[in-house]
Amino acid sequence: AKPAPSAAAPAAAAPASSSPGRIIEQGIKDFGAESITEGTLMEFRKKVGDSVAKGEVLAVIETDKVSVELNADEAGVIRELMAKPDDTVKAG
């Protein structure tokens, strides 16, 4: 079962180089302050099927205080987007 749109992982990527086919769930770890626990997914910079490099921006999330870019933890290919723009996403 996939997490609800408010889950912490708005994107999933499968690495292109090491362990082909392995799925990595990518989410926002924090928003820079302990008091900020959720934000609004503003946009995806990548779509399903796109290749991504480690560190490349996947999405932009805004809170009432900050705008945060979600960067790829690993290189790979986007297999699924687990949220959509305007969804509330949680850190963690």
N, C-alpha and C. Protein backbone atom coordinates (compact mmCIF):
# COMPACT_ATOMS: atom_id res chain seq x y z
N ALA A 1 0.85 -1.19 0.00
CA ALA A 1 0.00 0.00 0.00
C ALA A 1 0.88 1.24 0.00
N LYS A 2 0.50 2.22 -0.76
CA LYS A 2 1.25 3.47 -0.87
C LYS A 2 0.76 4.44 0.20
N PRO A 3 1.67 5.31 0.72
CA PRO A 3 1.27 6.30 1.70
C PRO A 3 0.26 7.28 1.11
N ALA A 4 -0.54 7.88 1.98
CA ALA A 4 -1.50 8.90 1.57
C ALA A 4 -0.75 10.12 1.05
N PRO A 5 -1.40 11.01 0.30
CA PRO A 5 -0.71 12.18 -0.23
C PRO A 5 -0.03 13.04 0.83
N SER A 6 -0.48 12.98 2.07
CA SER A 6 0.15 13.78 3.12
C SER A 6 1.40 13.10 3.68
N ALA A 7 1.81 11.99 3.08
CA ALA A 7 3.00 11.28 3.53
C ALA A 7 4.25 12.12 3.30
N ALA A 8 5.32 11.74 3.96
CA ALA A 8 6.56 12.51 3.88
C ALA A 8 7.29 12.32 2.56
N ALA A 9 6.91 11.37 1.75
CA ALA A 9 7.67 11.07 0.54
C ALA A 9 6.92 11.47 -0.73
N PRO A 10 7.16 12.65 -1.24
CA PRO A 10 6.46 13.05 -2.45
C PRO A 10 7.02 12.44 -3.72
N ALA A 11 8.18 11.79 -3.68
CA ALA A 11 8.74 11.21 -4.90
C ALA A 11 9.45 9.91 -4.57
N ALA A 12 9.52 9.03 -5.55
CA ALA A 12 10.29 7.80 -5.40
C ALA A 12 11.19 7.66 -6.62
N ALA A 13 12.43 7.26 -6.40
CA ALA A 13 13.37 7.11 -7.50
C ALA A 13 14.08 5.77 -7.40
N ALA A 14 14.32 5.15 -8.52
CA ALA A 14 15.11 3.92 -8.56
C ALA A 14 16.49 4.28 -9.09
N PRO A 15 17.55 4.02 -8.34
CA PRO A 15 18.89 4.39 -8.78
C PRO A 15 19.26 3.75 -10.11
N ALA A 16 19.96 4.50 -10.93
CA ALA A 16 20.32 4.03 -12.26
C ALA A 16 21.58 3.16 -12.23
N SER A 17 22.46 3.40 -11.26
CA SER A 17 23.74 2.70 -11.29
C SER A 17 23.79 1.50 -10.35
N SER A 18 23.77 1.71 -9.04
CA SER A 18 23.91 0.60 -8.10
C SER A 18 22.58 -0.10 -7.87
N SER A 19 22.58 -1.41 -7.82
CA SER A 19 21.41 -2.24 -7.57
C SER A 19 20.22 -1.86 -8.45
N PRO A 20 20.29 -2.11 -9.74
CA PRO A 20 19.18 -1.76 -10.64
C PRO A 20 17.86 -2.32 -10.14
N GLY A 21 16.81 -1.53 -10.25
CA GLY A 21 15.49 -1.96 -9.84
C GLY A 21 15.16 -1.66 -8.39
N ARG A 22 16.14 -1.25 -7.60
CA ARG A 22 15.90 -0.93 -6.20
C ARG A 22 15.14 0.38 -6.12
N ILE A 23 14.10 0.43 -5.29
CA ILE A 23 13.28 1.63 -5.14
C ILE A 23 13.73 2.39 -3.88
N ILE A 24 13.94 3.68 -4.04
CA ILE A 24 14.30 4.56 -2.93
C ILE A 24 13.13 5.51 -2.72
N GLU A 25 12.57 5.53 -1.52
CA GLU A 25 11.54 6.51 -1.22
C GLU A 25 12.22 7.78 -0.77
N GLN A 26 11.91 8.85 -1.43
CA GLN A 26 12.57 10.14 -1.17
C GLN A 26 11.56 11.06 -0.50
N GLY A 27 11.95 11.66 0.60
CA GLY A 27 11.07 12.60 1.29
C GLY A 27 11.86 13.72 1.92
N ILE A 28 11.14 14.69 2.42
CA ILE A 28 11.79 15.83 3.09
C ILE A 28 12.09 15.43 4.53
N LYS A 29 13.33 15.59 4.94
CA LYS A 29 13.71 15.18 6.29
C LYS A 29 13.31 16.22 7.34
N ASP A 30 13.48 17.49 6.98
CA ASP A 30 13.04 18.56 7.88
C ASP A 30 12.92 19.85 7.08
N PHE A 31 12.30 20.84 7.69
CA PHE A 31 12.11 22.13 7.03
C PHE A 31 13.04 23.21 7.60
N GLY A 32 14.05 22.78 8.36
CA GLY A 32 15.03 23.72 8.89
C GLY A 32 14.73 24.21 10.30
N ALA A 33 13.57 23.89 10.82
CA ALA A 33 13.21 24.29 12.19
C ALA A 33 12.29 23.21 12.77
N GLU A 34 12.54 22.83 14.01
CA GLU A 34 11.74 21.78 14.64
C GLU A 34 10.26 22.11 14.70
N SER A 35 9.93 23.40 14.80
CA SER A 35 8.53 23.80 14.92
C SER A 35 7.75 23.67 13.62
N ILE A 36 8.45 23.53 12.49
CA ILE A 36 7.77 23.38 11.20
C ILE A 36 7.72 21.89 10.85
N THR A 37 6.52 21.34 10.82
CA THR A 37 6.37 19.90 10.61
C THR A 37 5.72 19.54 9.29
N GLU A 38 5.12 20.53 8.60
CA GLU A 38 4.50 20.23 7.32
C GLU A 38 4.53 21.44 6.40
N GLY A 39 4.35 21.16 5.13
CA GLY A 39 4.34 22.23 4.13
C GLY A 39 3.45 21.85 2.97
N THR A 40 3.38 22.73 1.99
CA THR A 40 2.56 22.50 0.80
C THR A 40 3.47 22.23 -0.39
N LEU A 41 3.22 21.12 -1.07
CA LEU A 41 3.98 20.79 -2.26
C LEU A 41 3.57 21.78 -3.36
N MET A 42 4.52 22.63 -3.77
CA MET A 42 4.21 23.66 -4.77
C MET A 42 4.38 23.13 -6.19
N GLU A 43 5.47 22.40 -6.44
CA GLU A 43 5.70 21.89 -7.79
C GLU A 43 6.71 20.76 -7.77
N PHE A 44 6.57 19.87 -8.76
CA PHE A 44 7.61 18.90 -9.04
C PHE A 44 8.45 19.47 -10.16
N ARG A 45 9.76 19.33 -10.05
CA ARG A 45 10.66 19.75 -11.12
C ARG A 45 10.95 18.60 -12.07
N LYS A 46 10.54 17.41 -11.69
CA LYS A 46 10.73 16.20 -12.50
C LYS A 46 9.40 15.48 -12.62
N LYS A 47 9.29 14.64 -13.67
CA LYS A 47 8.08 13.85 -13.85
C LYS A 47 8.45 12.37 -13.94
N VAL A 48 7.46 11.50 -13.86
CA VAL A 48 7.68 10.06 -13.96
C VAL A 48 8.43 9.76 -15.26
N GLY A 49 9.48 8.94 -15.14
CA GLY A 49 10.29 8.57 -16.29
C GLY A 49 11.54 9.41 -16.46
N ASP A 50 11.60 10.57 -15.78
CA ASP A 50 12.78 11.43 -15.87
C ASP A 50 13.96 10.84 -15.11
N SER A 51 15.14 11.00 -15.68
CA SER A 51 16.38 10.65 -14.97
C SER A 51 16.76 11.81 -14.07
N VAL A 52 17.33 11.49 -12.91
CA VAL A 52 17.79 12.54 -11.99
C VAL A 52 19.20 12.24 -11.53
N ALA A 53 19.97 13.28 -11.29
CA ALA A 53 21.31 13.15 -10.74
C ALA A 53 21.24 13.38 -9.23
N LYS A 54 22.16 12.77 -8.50
CA LYS A 54 22.23 12.98 -7.07
C LYS A 54 22.35 14.48 -6.80
N GLY A 55 21.50 14.99 -5.91
CA GLY A 55 21.52 16.40 -5.54
C GLY A 55 20.61 17.27 -6.39
N GLU A 56 20.08 16.73 -7.48
CA GLU A 56 19.20 17.51 -8.35
C GLU A 56 17.86 17.79 -7.65
N VAL A 57 17.28 18.96 -7.91
CA VAL A 57 16.02 19.36 -7.28
C VAL A 57 14.88 18.54 -7.88
N LEU A 58 14.11 17.87 -6.99
CA LEU A 58 12.96 17.08 -7.40
C LEU A 58 11.66 17.86 -7.26
N ALA A 59 11.56 18.64 -6.17
CA ALA A 59 10.31 19.33 -5.87
C ALA A 59 10.58 20.55 -5.00
N VAL A 60 9.57 21.43 -4.94
CA VAL A 60 9.64 22.61 -4.08
C VAL A 60 8.45 22.54 -3.12
N ILE A 61 8.75 22.71 -1.82
CA ILE A 61 7.73 22.67 -0.77
C ILE A 61 7.78 23.99 -0.02
N GLU A 62 6.63 24.60 0.23
CA GLU A 62 6.57 25.86 0.96
C GLU A 62 5.84 25.67 2.27
N THR A 63 6.34 26.36 3.30
CA THR A 63 5.66 26.44 4.59
C THR A 63 5.29 27.90 4.79
N ASP A 64 4.71 28.20 5.94
CA ASP A 64 4.37 29.60 6.21
C ASP A 64 5.62 30.46 6.44
N LYS A 65 6.79 29.80 6.63
CA LYS A 65 8.02 30.54 6.92
C LYS A 65 9.12 30.38 5.88
N VAL A 66 9.20 29.23 5.22
CA VAL A 66 10.31 28.96 4.30
C VAL A 66 9.83 28.22 3.05
N SER A 67 10.66 28.30 2.01
CA SER A 67 10.49 27.51 0.80
C SER A 67 11.68 26.56 0.75
N VAL A 68 11.42 25.26 0.58
CA VAL A 68 12.46 24.24 0.65
C VAL A 68 12.50 23.45 -0.65
N GLU A 69 13.70 23.23 -1.17
CA GLU A 69 13.88 22.37 -2.33
C GLU A 69 14.19 20.96 -1.85
N LEU A 70 13.51 19.98 -2.42
CA LEU A 70 13.77 18.58 -2.13
C LEU A 70 14.75 18.06 -3.16
N ASN A 71 15.96 17.69 -2.72
CA ASN A 71 17.02 17.23 -3.61
C ASN A 71 17.10 15.70 -3.60
N ALA A 72 17.46 15.12 -4.73
CA ALA A 72 17.59 13.67 -4.86
C ALA A 72 18.73 13.15 -3.99
N ASP A 73 18.45 12.13 -3.19
CA ASP A 73 19.48 11.49 -2.36
C ASP A 73 20.41 10.64 -3.21
N GLU A 74 19.91 10.11 -4.33
CA GLU A 74 20.68 9.25 -5.22
C GLU A 74 20.29 9.53 -6.66
N ALA A 75 21.16 9.16 -7.59
CA ALA A 75 20.83 9.23 -9.01
C ALA A 75 19.85 8.11 -9.33
N GLY A 76 18.99 8.34 -10.31
CA GLY A 76 18.05 7.30 -10.69
C GLY A 76 17.02 7.80 -11.67
N VAL A 77 15.90 7.10 -11.68
CA VAL A 77 14.78 7.42 -12.56
C VAL A 77 13.52 7.52 -11.71
N ILE A 78 12.73 8.57 -11.92
CA ILE A 78 11.48 8.73 -11.17
C ILE A 78 10.50 7.65 -11.63
N ARG A 79 10.04 6.83 -10.71
CA ARG A 79 9.10 5.76 -11.02
C ARG A 79 7.67 6.13 -10.63
N GLU A 80 7.52 6.96 -9.58
CA GLU A 80 6.20 7.31 -9.09
C GLU A 80 6.28 8.61 -8.31
N LEU A 81 5.26 9.45 -8.45
CA LEU A 81 5.11 10.64 -7.64
C LEU A 81 3.98 10.35 -6.67
N MET A 82 4.28 10.42 -5.39
CA MET A 82 3.34 9.94 -4.38
C MET A 82 2.49 11.06 -3.77
N ALA A 83 2.58 12.24 -4.34
CA ALA A 83 1.77 13.38 -3.91
C ALA A 83 1.56 14.24 -5.15
N LYS A 84 0.73 15.24 -5.04
CA LYS A 84 0.52 16.14 -6.16
C LYS A 84 0.59 17.59 -5.67
N PRO A 85 0.83 18.54 -6.58
CA PRO A 85 0.89 19.95 -6.16
C PRO A 85 -0.33 20.33 -5.34
N ASP A 86 -0.08 21.16 -4.33
CA ASP A 86 -1.08 21.64 -3.37
C ASP A 86 -1.38 20.65 -2.25
N ASP A 87 -0.79 19.43 -2.29
CA ASP A 87 -0.96 18.49 -1.17
C ASP A 87 -0.12 18.97 0.02
N THR A 88 -0.58 18.65 1.20
CA THR A 88 0.19 18.90 2.41
C THR A 88 1.11 17.71 2.62
N VAL A 89 2.42 17.99 2.79
CA VAL A 89 3.40 16.92 3.03
C VAL A 89 4.06 17.17 4.38
N LYS A 90 4.41 16.08 5.05
CA LYS A 90 4.99 16.17 6.39
C LYS A 90 6.45 15.80 6.37
N ALA A 91 7.23 16.43 7.23
CA ALA A 91 8.64 16.07 7.39
C ALA A 91 8.75 14.77 8.16
N GLY A 92 9.80 14.02 7.85
CA GLY A 92 10.02 12.82 8.63
C GLY A 92 10.33 11.61 7.84
